[in-house]
Each structure stands twice: as structure tokens, then as C-alpha cells.
Amino acid sequence: MQPLLLLCHRIPFPPNKGDKIRSYNMLKFLSKYYQVHLGAFIDDSDDFQYESTVADMCTSHCLLPLDPKFAKLRSLSGFIKGTPLGLPYYANSKMQSWVDTVIAENELAGALVFSSTMAQYLAGNRYARLKRCIDFIDIDSDKWAQYKNKASPIMKLVYGYEARMLFAWEKRIAHEFDCSFFVSEKESELFKKMVPGIPEKISYFNNGVDTDYFSPEHSLESPYPDACNAIVFTGAMNYWANVDAVVWFANEVLPAICEKVNDVKFYIVGFKPDEKVKALAASPYIEVTGAVDDVRPYLAHASVAVAPMRIARGVQNKVLEAMAMAIPAVTTPQGYEGINAVRERDLIVADGVNDWVDTLVNLCTKNSYASMGQSARNLVVADYSWQSSLMRLKHRLDD
């Protein structure tokens, strides 16, 4: 097997949030075909316990601690340098030295970067001879532009700056590197329009789901009280887009549903809930679980899974996992983006408060979408396997 350099902005384990699910499955897949040299940061001290797990999949690794508080202060230098704030956030001389050593000591098949901020370790002419690929995942610059629209006046300036600088960086890296990947065909097609002239360099591979693990065939004990009409949201609850989604749903949608449906309760399932999320638990109609050992029981026994995303790019893993568990999933047009599903057959797209209320009341009382769960699972099994998705990546790396 040939050696391959893989750089990730965050240790790819445990797979408990969107980016780590993707990077973990990428690492697991690549380790079957290459001798992987992994460089990554650990921004949560609890994740140091997983170093040996990651090391077992690698030929060598460099996992460096990153303190988010100091990194945020360091990122402010981006305003002075005229760079995206994310670059100084992840800049590290030890990581650069390790990367340089790996490249000098190995005849690499290539290098793969996960997320645009890690491209700084390979950018420029120094390593132009090396085959360089990047998984942008989402168009992050557009996500910052979305944040700007919902921010305070001061933060609008910050987010607007980051959106502009990050897009310039994304454009530069897409031109310099041999290939760029995104999380869906729609995301890649949008980027081709934003960065014209290099369509042959821009591709995608879908997120996948472990459909043996996320399967309705498992016997899972219900975490809900008897006769509960459970509406569930799953995801990392310190992530701003998720926080915005559940706060909006709890304040704008849920009260009207509770007036029309008996025994309704909204379950917010995910680790490290933000203070705004914790405050929602004051309502008798809302349960904030925090971290759970297994999200599948919450999906398996829910009446419906919701992803009321108002800020989103790429593909929502939470939607695919609910679909794999064969329960009805409802999302917004933003959450639907990038999922190759048929509306009203495989999932439901609701737009606006009234549409959300009507849809969920219908789901909780009439069960009009009884066949949707199996149709959704069939789609995920057929189109969202990690093995088939990641073979697209391997083919480009081996070109």
C-alpha cells in the first residue's frame, strides 16, 4: 500500500457529530487502501482517550491539542493579515513541521485535506508537485454569509468579513489543488458556478449512513413515556445552526402543535447543549437530554424526526439517520438541500410556521405517511452507503 497524508481540523473520532462522522468514515475507508499518515487537532480534552483508536488505523499520526479560547484570540490576527479568521485559528508550527517531515520521508500517493482551514499546510508552490486533494465538505463561506443575516450589527461585520475572506481562500485552493470534493452533487454544482473555469477539478461524494447500525430491525427499548407523541431532534447542541433550529421550533412551532395534539413532547437529543437550549427545558413540553449513549431508541420510537434548519449547507446527517431508521422526517428547504429524495414519498419539506404546524399535527394524529418510513430507508440503503460514496474519492486519488 502507498502512503497517503490526511489532514483533519479535528480528530476523526468519536463519530458523534456531522464533520467527525464524515472524517471517521473517510479514515476507516482509506486505511484499507493506503498507509495513512494522519495530522489532526484535539479541541476537546475528552477526545484524548481516543488516540489509540485512531492510531490503530494509521501508519503514523500527529494529534495536537487546541484550546478553543486561545485559538479564538489567535484568530483575530486574521483581521491584520487579511486572511480568513479560521487560518490563524488552526495555524501551528508543530503541525507544519510534522507535515514537512512526512512529505520528505515518504513517496506519497498524495495528500487529502479535510476542511479548508487545513489547506494552509500544503498551499502555495512548495508542494505543487504533490497530488493535493481537498474535501471542502460544504461551501463554508456561504454558511458565514447566512450567519451574517441573523447576527447583531457588530457580528454582521465579522461574519461578512469571514464570508468574503473565506470565499477568496476557497477559490484559491480550488485552483491550486488537483481536486476538490463536496458533500453532494448540488453543492459541487453550486461551487462550479461560484468558481468557474475549473469544472474538471470539482467533484463530490455523498455522506453515508451505517444502515446496519441505523436500522429498524434492532430491538430498542423506548426512552419515552407510554402514549407519548414524541417529536425528536438529534445533533450536536453546541453548534449554532442546531441551536437556532431548535429555539425557533420551540418558540414558533411547538406551542400551536401542543394546542392541537395530546401528549406531545419535543425531545432535543445531543451533547453539550448551549445555554439557550438548556433554557428550553423549562417548558413541560420539552426535554433536553444532553449526551446519550445511543440516539437510535429516540429515533426508533419517535412519531417524527425534525430538522428545522434555517442555516444549512451540504447534507444533514440527522435527516439521513432518521430516514435509515424508517421514521418520517420533516425538514426545511435548507435541510433538504443535497439529499436526493422525493418529497412526500421519502421525506417531508415544510416551509414556514403554518406549514410546519399542519404537517406535524397530521403526522401525530392521522399517520398519513405510514409508508414513508420504508420508502425513506430503501433510498438510504440504495444511495447513501459509505463504501460506494468513498469509492468516488479513491478513484480521484488514484487517477
Foldseek 3Di string as FASTA:
>chain_A
DAEEEEEEAEPLPDCAADLSLVVVLLLQVVLVPHQYEYEYEHADVVCVVCPVVSVVSHPHYHYYYAHQVVLQVQLVCCVVVVAQSLQSSRDDVVSLVVVVVVVVVGPHLAYEYEALSVCVSVDDDPNLVGQYEYENAWLVLVLLCLVLVVDDPVVVVVSPSNSVRSVVSVLRCLVSHQAYEYAFPLRQVVVCVVRPDPNVRYYYFHAADPLVQLELVDDDDAPDDPPAQEEEEEHAQVDVQQVVQVLCCLPQAVVLLPVQDPRAAYEYEHADHDPSLVVSCVDPRYHYDHYDPDCNSVLLPHLEYEAAGPRATHEDVRQLSSLSNLHEYEYAPRNCPRDPDDDPQQYHHADDRVRSNVVSSCSSPVVPRVNNSVSNSVSSVVRRHSVVRCVVVVVVSND
